[in-house]
Protein backbone atom coordinates (compact mmCIF):
# COMPACT_ATOMS: atom_id res chain seq x y z
CA MET A 1 15.69 0.67 7.39
CA GLU A 2 14.49 3.84 5.79
CA PRO A 3 17.01 6.04 3.97
CA GLY A 4 18.61 8.54 6.27
CA ALA A 5 17.76 6.61 9.43
CA ALA A 6 20.48 5.83 11.91
CA PRO A 7 21.91 2.38 11.27
CA SER A 8 21.18 -0.30 13.84
CA GLU A 9 23.87 -2.42 15.43
CA ALA A 10 23.82 -6.19 15.53
CA GLY A 11 23.54 -7.60 19.03
CA ASP A 12 24.19 -10.97 20.63
CA LYS A 13 21.09 -13.12 20.66
CA GLY A 14 21.98 -14.89 23.87
CA GLY A 15 24.67 -15.72 26.37
CA LEU A 16 27.19 -18.50 26.56
CA ARG A 17 24.44 -21.11 26.42
CA ALA A 18 23.36 -19.76 23.04
CA ALA A 19 26.98 -19.88 21.90
CA LEU A 20 27.25 -23.53 22.91
CA GLY A 21 24.02 -24.17 21.02
CA GLY A 22 25.76 -22.78 17.94
CA LEU A 23 28.13 -25.73 17.68
CA THR A 24 28.13 -27.10 14.16
CA THR A 25 28.04 -30.79 13.27
CA ARG A 26 31.82 -30.71 12.99
CA GLY A 27 32.16 -29.10 16.39
CA ARG A 28 29.81 -31.59 18.05
CA SER A 29 31.63 -34.47 16.38
CA PHE A 30 35.01 -33.25 17.62
CA PHE A 31 33.65 -32.81 21.13
CA ALA A 32 32.02 -36.25 21.18
CA ALA A 33 35.15 -37.89 19.79
CA GLY A 34 37.27 -36.16 22.43
CA ILE A 35 35.03 -37.34 25.26
CA ALA A 36 35.03 -40.89 23.90
CA ALA A 37 38.84 -40.88 23.56
CA ALA A 38 39.22 -39.56 27.10
CA VAL A 39 36.97 -42.29 28.50
CA CYS A 40 38.87 -44.98 26.58
CA ALA A 41 42.17 -43.55 27.75
CA TYR A 42 41.00 -43.67 31.38
CA VAL A 43 39.79 -47.26 31.04
CA LEU A 44 42.88 -48.46 29.18
CA GLY A 45 45.32 -46.31 31.10
CA GLN A 46 46.73 -44.67 27.94
CA ALA A 47 48.05 -41.18 28.76
CA ASP A 48 48.81 -40.30 25.12
CA LEU A 49 45.26 -41.14 24.10
CA LEU A 50 43.99 -38.96 26.94
CA ARG A 51 45.94 -35.98 25.61
CA VAL A 52 44.48 -36.54 22.15
CA GLY A 53 40.99 -36.78 23.58
CA MET A 54 41.44 -33.58 25.59
CA LEU A 55 42.62 -31.78 22.47
CA LEU A 56 39.64 -32.94 20.46
CA ALA A 57 37.17 -31.97 23.20
CA VAL A 58 38.72 -28.61 24.07
CA LEU A 59 39.13 -27.31 20.51
CA PRO A 60 35.37 -26.76 19.87
CA LEU A 61 35.01 -25.16 23.32
CA VAL A 62 37.88 -22.79 22.58
CA CYS A 63 36.26 -21.83 19.27
CA VAL A 64 32.98 -21.19 21.10
CA GLY A 65 34.72 -18.97 23.64
CA VAL A 66 36.64 -17.00 21.03
CA LEU A 67 33.54 -16.47 18.89
CA TYR A 68 31.45 -15.56 21.93
CA ARG A 69 33.99 -12.95 23.03
CA THR A 70 34.22 -11.49 19.54
CA ARG A 71 32.59 -8.08 19.56
CA TYR A 72 32.24 -7.03 15.97
CA ARG A 73 30.52 -3.66 15.81
CA VAL A 74 28.69 -3.92 12.53
CA ALA A 75 25.98 -1.48 11.48
CA GLY A 76 23.43 -2.29 8.78
CA SER A 77 20.84 -0.37 6.82
CA ARG A 78 18.17 -1.27 4.29
CA ARG A 79 16.70 0.84 1.49
CA LEU A 80 13.70 -0.05 -0.67
CA SER A 81 13.48 1.18 -4.24
CA PRO A 82 10.60 1.83 -4.44
CA SER A 83 8.78 1.24 -1.14
CA ARG A 84 5.38 1.15 -2.91
CA VAL A 85 5.20 -1.09 -5.99
CA PRO A 86 2.29 -2.37 -8.13
CA SER A 87 1.52 -6.07 -7.95
CA GLY A 88 3.48 -8.05 -10.50
CA SER A 89 6.32 -5.51 -10.54
CA GLU A 90 9.72 -5.82 -8.93
CA ALA A 91 11.28 -3.78 -6.17
CA ARG A 92 14.96 -3.79 -5.27
CA VAL A 93 16.21 -3.99 -1.71
CA HIS A 94 19.63 -2.48 -1.04
CA LEU A 95 21.57 -3.67 2.01
CA ARG A 96 24.62 -1.90 3.40
CA MET A 97 26.98 -3.21 6.07
CA ASP A 98 29.46 -0.93 7.84
CA ASN A 99 32.24 -2.14 10.10
CA VAL A 100 32.32 0.61 12.72
CA SER A 101 34.93 -1.08 14.92
CA ARG A 102 38.71 -0.84 14.76
CA LEU A 103 39.14 -4.53 14.03
CA PRO A 104 38.56 -6.31 10.72
CA THR A 105 35.82 -8.91 10.58
CA GLY A 106 36.05 -12.49 9.47
CA LEU A 107 33.85 -14.21 6.95
CA LEU A 108 30.21 -13.09 7.35
CA MET A 109 27.01 -14.61 6.02
CA LEU A 110 24.21 -12.09 5.61
CA GLN A 111 20.56 -13.17 5.53
CA ASP A 112 17.37 -11.12 5.31
CA HIS A 113 13.96 -12.37 6.37
CA VAL A 114 11.48 -12.11 3.49
CA PRO A 115 7.86 -13.38 3.33
CA TYR A 116 7.58 -16.39 1.06
CA VAL A 117 5.21 -14.57 -1.32
CA LEU A 118 8.04 -12.17 -2.21
CA GLY A 119 10.47 -14.88 -3.25
CA PRO A 120 13.26 -16.97 -1.72
CA ARG A 121 15.14 -15.77 1.33
CA PRO A 122 18.27 -13.91 0.18
CA ARG A 123 21.67 -14.96 1.53
CA PHE A 124 25.03 -13.32 0.89
CA VAL A 125 28.59 -14.24 1.88
CA LEU A 126 30.74 -11.23 2.70
CA ASP A 127 34.50 -11.42 2.67
CA ARG A 128 36.64 -9.90 5.36
CA VAL A 129 35.53 -6.31 6.01
CA GLU A 130 38.34 -4.01 6.98
CA ALA A 131 38.06 -1.58 9.87
CA GLY A 132 35.80 1.27 8.80
CA GLY A 133 34.96 -0.60 5.60
CA ARG A 134 31.62 -1.01 3.88
CA ARG A 135 29.91 -3.67 1.79
CA GLU A 136 26.75 -3.21 -0.28
CA VAL A 137 24.55 -5.92 -1.77
CA SER A 138 21.04 -5.94 -3.22
CA TYR A 139 18.27 -8.35 -4.16
CA ARG A 140 14.88 -8.19 -5.90
CA VAL A 141 11.43 -9.00 -4.57
CA ARG A 142 8.17 -9.45 -6.46
CA SER A 143 4.60 -10.35 -5.56
CA ASP A 144 1.43 -10.92 -7.55
CA LEU A 145 -0.61 -10.44 -4.38
CA ARG A 146 -1.19 -6.98 -3.04
CA GLY A 147 -0.55 -6.31 0.64
CA ARG A 148 1.94 -4.94 3.15
CA TYR A 149 4.93 -7.19 3.70
CA PRO A 150 7.60 -6.80 6.41
CA LEU A 151 11.24 -7.14 5.41
CA GLY A 152 13.68 -8.08 8.14
CA PRO A 153 15.14 -8.40 10.59
CA LEU A 154 18.55 -8.71 9.02
CA GLN A 155 20.76 -11.48 10.39
CA LEU A 156 24.50 -12.04 10.45
CA ARG A 157 26.04 -15.46 10.88
CA LEU A 158 29.54 -15.53 12.36
CA SER A 159 31.75 -18.62 12.23
CA ASP A 160 35.22 -19.49 13.47
CA PRO A 161 38.04 -20.38 11.03
CA PHE A 162 37.70 -24.11 11.80
CA GLY A 163 33.94 -24.22 11.26
CA MET A 164 33.32 -25.51 14.77
CA CYS A 165 30.71 -22.92 15.78
CA GLU A 166 28.25 -20.50 14.19
CA LEU A 167 26.51 -17.63 15.95
CA THR A 168 23.58 -15.62 14.65
CA ARG A 169 23.25 -11.96 15.52
CA SER A 170 20.22 -9.95 14.45
CA PHE A 171 19.44 -6.35 13.70
CA SER A 172 16.21 -4.96 15.07
CA ALA A 173 15.12 -2.75 12.16
CA GLN A 174 12.35 -3.81 9.79
CA ASP A 175 10.86 -2.19 6.69
CA ILE A 176 7.48 -2.48 5.02
CA LEU A 177 7.04 -3.10 1.31
CA THR A 178 3.58 -2.08 0.11
CA VAL A 179 2.30 -3.93 -2.94
CA ILE A 180 -0.55 -1.88 -4.40
CA PRO A 181 -3.09 -2.93 -7.05
CA ARG A 182 -2.17 -2.68 -10.70
CA THR A 183 -3.52 0.38 -12.47
CA GLU A 184 -4.28 0.91 -16.15
CA PRO A 185 -4.19 4.24 -17.99
CA LEU A 186 -7.71 5.25 -18.97
CA PRO A 187 -8.67 7.10 -22.15
CA PRO A 188 -9.50 10.82 -21.90
CA VAL A 189 -13.17 10.54 -22.78
CA ARG A 190 -15.78 13.25 -22.19
CA LEU A 191 -19.46 13.09 -21.41
CA ALA A 192 -21.96 15.77 -22.40
CA GLY A 193 -23.30 18.26 -19.92
CA ALA A 194 -21.92 20.60 -17.32
CA THR A 195 -23.24 22.67 -14.48
CA ALA A 196 -21.95 25.94 -13.14
CA GLY A 197 -19.83 25.46 -10.08
CA TYR A 198 -18.12 22.30 -11.29
CA GLY A 199 -15.15 22.00 -13.57
CA ASP A 200 -11.50 22.76 -13.96
CA GLY A 201 -12.16 26.22 -15.32
CA ARG A 202 -15.22 27.04 -13.25
CA GLN A 203 -15.08 29.49 -10.37
CA ARG A 204 -17.51 30.35 -7.65
CA SER A 205 -17.65 33.94 -6.46
CA LEU A 206 -18.15 34.48 -2.78
CA SER A 207 -19.05 38.12 -3.35
CA LEU A 208 -22.13 38.46 -5.52
CA ALA A 209 -23.85 41.73 -4.72
CA GLY A 210 -21.17 44.32 -4.24
CA GLU A 211 -19.22 45.87 -1.38
CA ASP A 212 -21.76 45.28 1.36
CA ASP A 213 -22.10 41.58 0.68
CA VAL A 214 -18.40 40.75 0.62
CA ILE A 215 -17.36 37.88 2.89
CA PRO A 216 -14.11 38.89 4.63
CA ARG A 217 -11.51 36.79 6.38
CA GLY A 218 -8.70 37.49 8.79
CA TYR A 219 -5.51 39.07 7.51
CA ARG A 220 -2.67 36.67 6.78
CA HIS A 221 0.98 37.47 6.38
CA GLY A 222 1.67 38.34 2.76
CA ASP A 223 -1.86 39.54 1.90
CA ASP A 224 -2.06 42.63 -0.28
CA LEU A 225 -2.99 45.63 1.88
CA ARG A 226 -5.14 46.92 -0.97
CA ARG A 227 -7.56 44.10 -0.16
CA VAL A 228 -8.16 45.30 3.42
CA HIS A 229 -11.88 45.67 4.11
CA TRP A 230 -12.02 48.60 6.51
CA ARG A 231 -15.68 48.30 7.43
CA SER A 232 -15.23 44.70 8.60
CA THR A 233 -11.98 45.66 10.30
CA ALA A 234 -13.83 48.26 12.36
CA ARG A 235 -16.65 45.82 13.12
CA TYR A 236 -14.48 42.90 14.29
CA GLY A 237 -11.64 44.89 15.80
CA GLU A 238 -8.97 43.10 13.74
CA LEU A 239 -7.54 43.49 10.29
CA MET A 240 -9.83 41.83 7.72
CA VAL A 241 -9.32 41.37 3.97
CA ARG A 242 -11.68 40.61 1.08
CA ARG A 243 -11.86 37.05 -0.12
CA GLU A 244 -10.86 36.42 -3.69
CA GLU A 245 -12.86 34.25 -6.00
CA GLN A 246 -11.90 30.68 -5.23
CA PRO A 247 -12.07 27.79 -7.67
CA GLN A 248 -14.29 24.89 -6.77
CA ARG A 249 -12.84 21.56 -7.81
CA ALA A 250 -15.03 18.92 -9.34
CA ARG A 251 -15.65 16.05 -6.97
CA CYS A 252 -15.62 12.34 -7.57
CA THR A 253 -16.43 9.42 -5.30
CA VAL A 254 -15.16 5.96 -6.18
CA LEU A 255 -17.32 3.32 -4.52
CA LEU A 256 -15.83 -0.17 -4.04
CA ASP A 257 -18.16 -3.00 -3.09
CA THR A 258 -16.21 -5.36 -0.81
CA ARG A 259 -19.04 -7.57 0.46
CA ARG A 260 -17.93 -11.16 0.79
CA LEU A 261 -21.24 -12.51 -0.48
CA ALA A 262 -20.98 -10.35 -3.61
CA TYR A 263 -17.93 -12.17 -5.00
CA GLN A 264 -16.97 -15.75 -5.69
CA GLY A 265 -13.50 -17.09 -6.22
CA ALA A 266 -10.13 -15.83 -5.06
CA GLY A 267 -6.67 -15.14 -6.40
CA PRO A 268 -5.06 -12.50 -8.60
CA ASP A 269 -7.49 -13.18 -11.48
CA SER A 270 -10.69 -13.15 -9.43
CA ALA A 271 -13.58 -10.73 -9.87
CA PHE A 272 -12.81 -9.02 -6.55
CA GLU A 273 -9.21 -8.30 -7.52
CA TRP A 274 -10.44 -6.86 -10.83
CA ALA A 275 -12.76 -4.54 -8.90
CA VAL A 276 -9.94 -3.41 -6.60
CA SER A 277 -7.64 -2.78 -9.56
CA GLY A 278 -10.43 -0.93 -11.38
CA ALA A 279 -11.07 1.31 -8.39
CA ALA A 280 -7.35 2.11 -8.18
CA SER A 281 -7.22 2.98 -11.88
CA ALA A 282 -10.25 5.25 -11.59
CA LEU A 283 -8.81 7.02 -8.55
CA VAL A 284 -5.50 7.72 -10.24
CA HIS A 285 -7.19 8.85 -13.46
CA MET A 286 -9.55 11.30 -11.75
CA LEU A 287 -6.81 12.73 -9.53
CA GLU A 288 -4.65 13.33 -12.58
CA ARG A 289 -7.55 15.22 -14.16
CA GLY A 290 -7.78 17.60 -11.20
CA PHE A 291 -10.79 16.14 -9.40
CA ALA A 292 -11.13 16.09 -5.63
CA VAL A 293 -11.51 12.35 -5.03
CA ARG A 294 -12.43 10.08 -2.19
CA LEU A 295 -12.56 6.30 -1.88
CA LEU A 296 -15.72 4.86 -0.32
CA THR A 297 -16.48 1.24 0.56
CA ASP A 298 -19.73 -0.51 1.34
CA THR A 299 -18.85 -0.31 5.05
CA GLY A 300 -19.21 3.48 4.92
CA SER A 301 -15.50 4.16 5.52
CA SER A 302 -13.97 6.75 3.25
CA VAL A 303 -10.42 7.74 2.38
CA PRO A 304 -8.64 10.19 2.61
CA GLY A 305 -10.78 10.96 5.65
CA GLU A 306 -13.79 12.53 7.25
CA GLY A 307 -12.81 16.19 7.02
CA ALA A 308 -15.09 18.98 5.97
CA ASP A 309 -16.32 16.97 3.00
CA GLY A 310 -14.18 13.81 3.09
CA PHE A 311 -12.51 14.54 -0.25
CA ALA A 312 -8.86 15.07 -1.07
CA GLY A 313 -8.06 18.73 -0.59
CA SER A 314 -5.91 21.05 -2.61
CA THR A 315 -3.71 20.07 -5.51
CA GLN A 316 -0.72 19.96 -3.20
CA GLU A 317 -2.45 17.22 -1.23
CA SER A 318 -3.34 15.10 -4.27
CA ALA A 319 -0.13 13.05 -4.17
CA ASP A 320 -0.51 12.32 -0.46
CA ALA A 321 -4.19 11.48 -0.92
CA ALA A 322 -3.38 9.14 -3.80
CA GLY A 323 -0.75 7.38 -1.71
CA LEU A 324 -3.16 7.01 1.20
CA MET A 325 -5.91 5.57 -0.99
CA MET A 326 -3.53 3.19 -2.74
CA ASP A 327 -2.21 2.01 0.62
CA THR A 328 -5.80 1.36 1.68
CA LEU A 329 -6.51 -0.63 -1.48
CA ALA A 330 -3.31 -2.62 -0.93
CA VAL A 331 -4.81 -4.23 2.18
CA VAL A 332 -8.56 -4.00 1.53
CA ASP A 333 -10.35 -7.28 2.08
CA HIS A 334 -13.86 -8.66 2.00
CA SER A 335 -16.33 -7.18 4.45
CA ASP A 336 -18.96 -9.20 6.28
CA GLY A 337 -21.70 -6.70 5.49
CA ALA A 338 -24.78 -7.72 3.54
CA GLY A 339 -25.76 -4.41 1.98
CA LEU A 340 -24.79 -0.99 0.66
CA SER A 341 -26.86 1.07 3.11
CA ARG A 342 -23.86 2.46 5.00
CA ALA A 343 -22.32 3.75 1.81
CA TYR A 344 -25.67 5.28 0.89
CA ASP A 345 -25.79 7.10 4.24
CA VAL A 346 -22.40 8.68 3.51
CA LEU A 347 -23.51 9.75 0.04
CA ARG A 348 -26.81 11.09 1.37
CA SER A 349 -25.04 13.52 3.68
CA GLY A 350 -22.54 14.65 1.06
CA THR A 351 -22.54 17.05 -1.86
CA GLU A 352 -23.15 16.30 -5.48
CA GLY A 353 -20.41 15.03 -7.73
CA LEU A 354 -19.42 12.17 -9.97
CA LEU A 355 -19.97 8.66 -8.60
CA ILE A 356 -18.03 5.70 -10.05
CA ALA A 357 -18.99 2.35 -8.54
CA PHE A 358 -17.46 -1.11 -8.82
CA LEU A 359 -20.17 -3.49 -7.68
CA GLY A 360 -20.32 -7.24 -7.16
CA ASP A 361 -23.40 -9.43 -7.33
CA LEU A 362 -26.58 -7.45 -6.54
CA ASP A 363 -29.95 -8.67 -5.40
CA GLU A 364 -33.14 -6.69 -5.92
CA GLU A 365 -32.90 -4.88 -2.58
CA GLN A 366 -29.30 -3.74 -3.08
CA THR A 367 -30.07 -2.68 -6.63
CA ALA A 368 -32.76 -0.39 -5.20
CA VAL A 369 -30.26 1.06 -2.69
CA ALA A 370 -27.80 1.70 -5.51
CA GLY A 371 -30.57 3.39 -7.46
CA ARG A 372 -31.13 5.83 -4.59
CA MET A 373 -27.40 6.60 -4.57
CA ARG A 374 -27.75 7.98 -8.06
CA HIS A 375 -30.14 10.68 -6.81
CA ARG A 376 -27.45 11.87 -4.36
CA SER A 377 -24.83 12.37 -7.07
CA GLY A 378 -24.48 14.43 -10.19
CA ALA A 379 -23.62 11.56 -12.51
CA ALA A 380 -23.12 7.88 -11.82
CA VAL A 381 -21.31 5.09 -13.64
CA ALA A 382 -21.46 1.49 -12.42
CA PHE A 383 -19.31 -1.49 -13.39
CA VAL A 384 -21.24 -4.58 -12.29
CA LEU A 385 -19.31 -7.85 -11.95
CA ASP A 386 -21.03 -11.20 -12.19
CA SER A 387 -18.56 -13.30 -10.21
CA SER A 388 -20.24 -16.57 -11.17
CA GLY A 389 -19.58 -15.71 -14.80
CA TRP A 390 -15.90 -15.19 -13.94
CA LEU A 391 -15.75 -18.70 -12.53
CA GLN A 392 -17.26 -20.01 -15.77
CA ASP A 393 -14.69 -18.06 -17.79
CA GLY A 394 -16.84 -15.53 -19.55
CA GLY A 395 -19.99 -15.73 -21.61
CA GLU A 396 -22.96 -13.42 -21.93
CA PRO A 397 -24.28 -11.95 -18.66
CA PRO A 398 -27.24 -13.99 -17.38
CA ALA A 399 -30.78 -12.63 -17.37
CA ARG A 400 -30.49 -11.79 -13.67
CA VAL A 401 -27.54 -9.48 -14.31
CA GLN A 402 -29.24 -7.92 -17.33
CA ASP A 403 -32.27 -7.18 -15.17
CA ARG A 404 -30.10 -5.48 -12.53
CA LEU A 405 -28.42 -3.37 -15.22
CA ARG A 406 -31.82 -2.33 -16.55
CA GLN A 407 -32.96 -1.25 -13.07
CA LEU A 408 -29.80 0.79 -12.56
CA ARG A 409 -30.17 2.49 -15.93
CA GLU A 410 -33.78 3.35 -15.15
CA SER A 411 -32.50 5.03 -11.98
CA GLY A 412 -30.13 7.17 -14.03
CA TRP A 413 -26.95 5.10 -13.82
CA THR A 414 -24.67 4.42 -16.73
CA ALA A 415 -24.33 0.71 -15.96
CA LEU A 416 -22.13 -1.87 -17.68
CA ALA A 417 -21.61 -5.58 -17.10
CA VAL A 418 -18.02 -6.70 -16.62
CA PRO A 419 -17.36 -10.11 -18.21
CA ALA A 420 -14.36 -12.18 -17.18
CA GLY A 421 -11.08 -10.84 -18.51
CA SER A 422 -12.47 -7.44 -19.48
CA ALA A 423 -10.13 -4.49 -19.94
CA LEU A 424 -11.15 -1.42 -17.97
CA PRO A 425 -9.99 1.10 -20.63
CA ASP A 426 -12.39 -0.49 -23.14
CA LEU A 427 -15.27 -0.39 -20.66
CA TRP A 428 -14.38 3.20 -19.77
CA GLN A 429 -14.69 4.18 -23.41
CA LEU A 430 -17.90 2.17 -23.75
CA ALA A 431 -19.44 3.93 -20.75
CA ALA A 432 -18.82 7.30 -22.37
CA GLN A 433 -20.40 6.13 -25.63
CA GLN A 434 -23.39 4.65 -23.84
CA ARG A 435 -24.05 7.85 -21.96
CA THR A 436 -23.68 10.00 -25.05
CA GLU A 437 -26.02 7.79 -27.07
CA SER A 438 -28.64 7.68 -24.32
CA GLY A 439 -28.74 11.47 -24.15
CA ALA A 440 -28.93 11.36 -20.37
CA THR A 441 -28.14 15.02 -19.85
CA GLN A 442 -29.74 14.99 -16.44
CA GLY A 443 -27.26 12.43 -15.23
CA SER A 444 -24.33 14.70 -16.00
CA ALA A 445 -25.55 17.50 -13.74
CA GLY A 446 -22.73 17.20 -11.22
CA PHE A 447 -20.12 16.49 -13.83
CA SER A 448 -17.34 18.97 -14.40
CA GLY A 449 -17.61 18.97 -18.16
CA GLY A 450 -17.66 15.18 -18.10
CA TRP A 451 -14.74 12.83 -17.77
CA SER A 452 -11.44 14.16 -18.83
């Protein structure tokens, strides 16, 4: 349960039939022994044996009735710390039980449902909880596989003092633990070249030719009255003010190739997982440097969304946009598409900016499509993974991959092969050096003073 949410109350899973089904091995043995003794007593005509048999048979039933009629009012809550964790890192789950009734509870066994990939199912034994009392326990979860994992429901097991019967009562609340890809800090490298209109310190003036060409907007509460544009106010019949010069943020698109046919292998150390982790690292790095960023896949879907330009908005929205993109990468999977044409259509209708691509295996046709993407962006950097080389545990990229890299570079890309086990920070630095050495000033046209 999320912090601050109202606690849920454990309810009975079933009626009396469910209570009878909760008889333990001891309870069933007592009942069977009692029935057998009663039958023997009837056959042999032994009244004392009949009384013993009745006692043995009735005791488990009495325990069932007492436990069934027990109405513990126990409230539980769950808190995740944190609720979004990188793969391979641990999160702690805090459980709190409150006895909201006026009667003390007996011995309670607490159990939380946890997916097997997060670790063993946690179980706790709670001593008697006084009326109005509280107990708090916690456990750790960890996963090397990204994804969204449900935690819960929480279960309580109640038992009688003789161990004849156990009943399970469940809470309804569940929580979601999001395991996001691992990210690596990237070096603050810079590429040559800049164009007016892009950059942290660049500004675009909406008023270029004086008073008559000013672009006004409607008055908002708190605007300085000295900025009122009286001519526009008279024209539109409402109070209008002059626009101030507004900064234009540099834009960056991170393209992730998710085609199933572009990757071989699976698991945390596969080429596809490296590409997902690399895309996450690039997103976080560019957002921290003040870029307006979006995540684009080969299917043409983009995150944070299809707004005016599809990019993350103001600085205040950067944290929310980062969380949304990381949540998307936590569950991204292979697509059944065969090409990159949908992603190209999105880029073709957009504005110029930096393009960072993480690509799988490319054939000649898809290499040509990627080459056309470069002409729709200001600068483009591609990390090309040869998944077959990952299965063979490294080695020099084959001639086919070298040929694809050459075609991308001829199209204006800064393209690098990604061998198995490569570190993205090293490749990031190498990309900056390659671009500087090549002198590709044209490729940095949409770059806000380069990477930073």
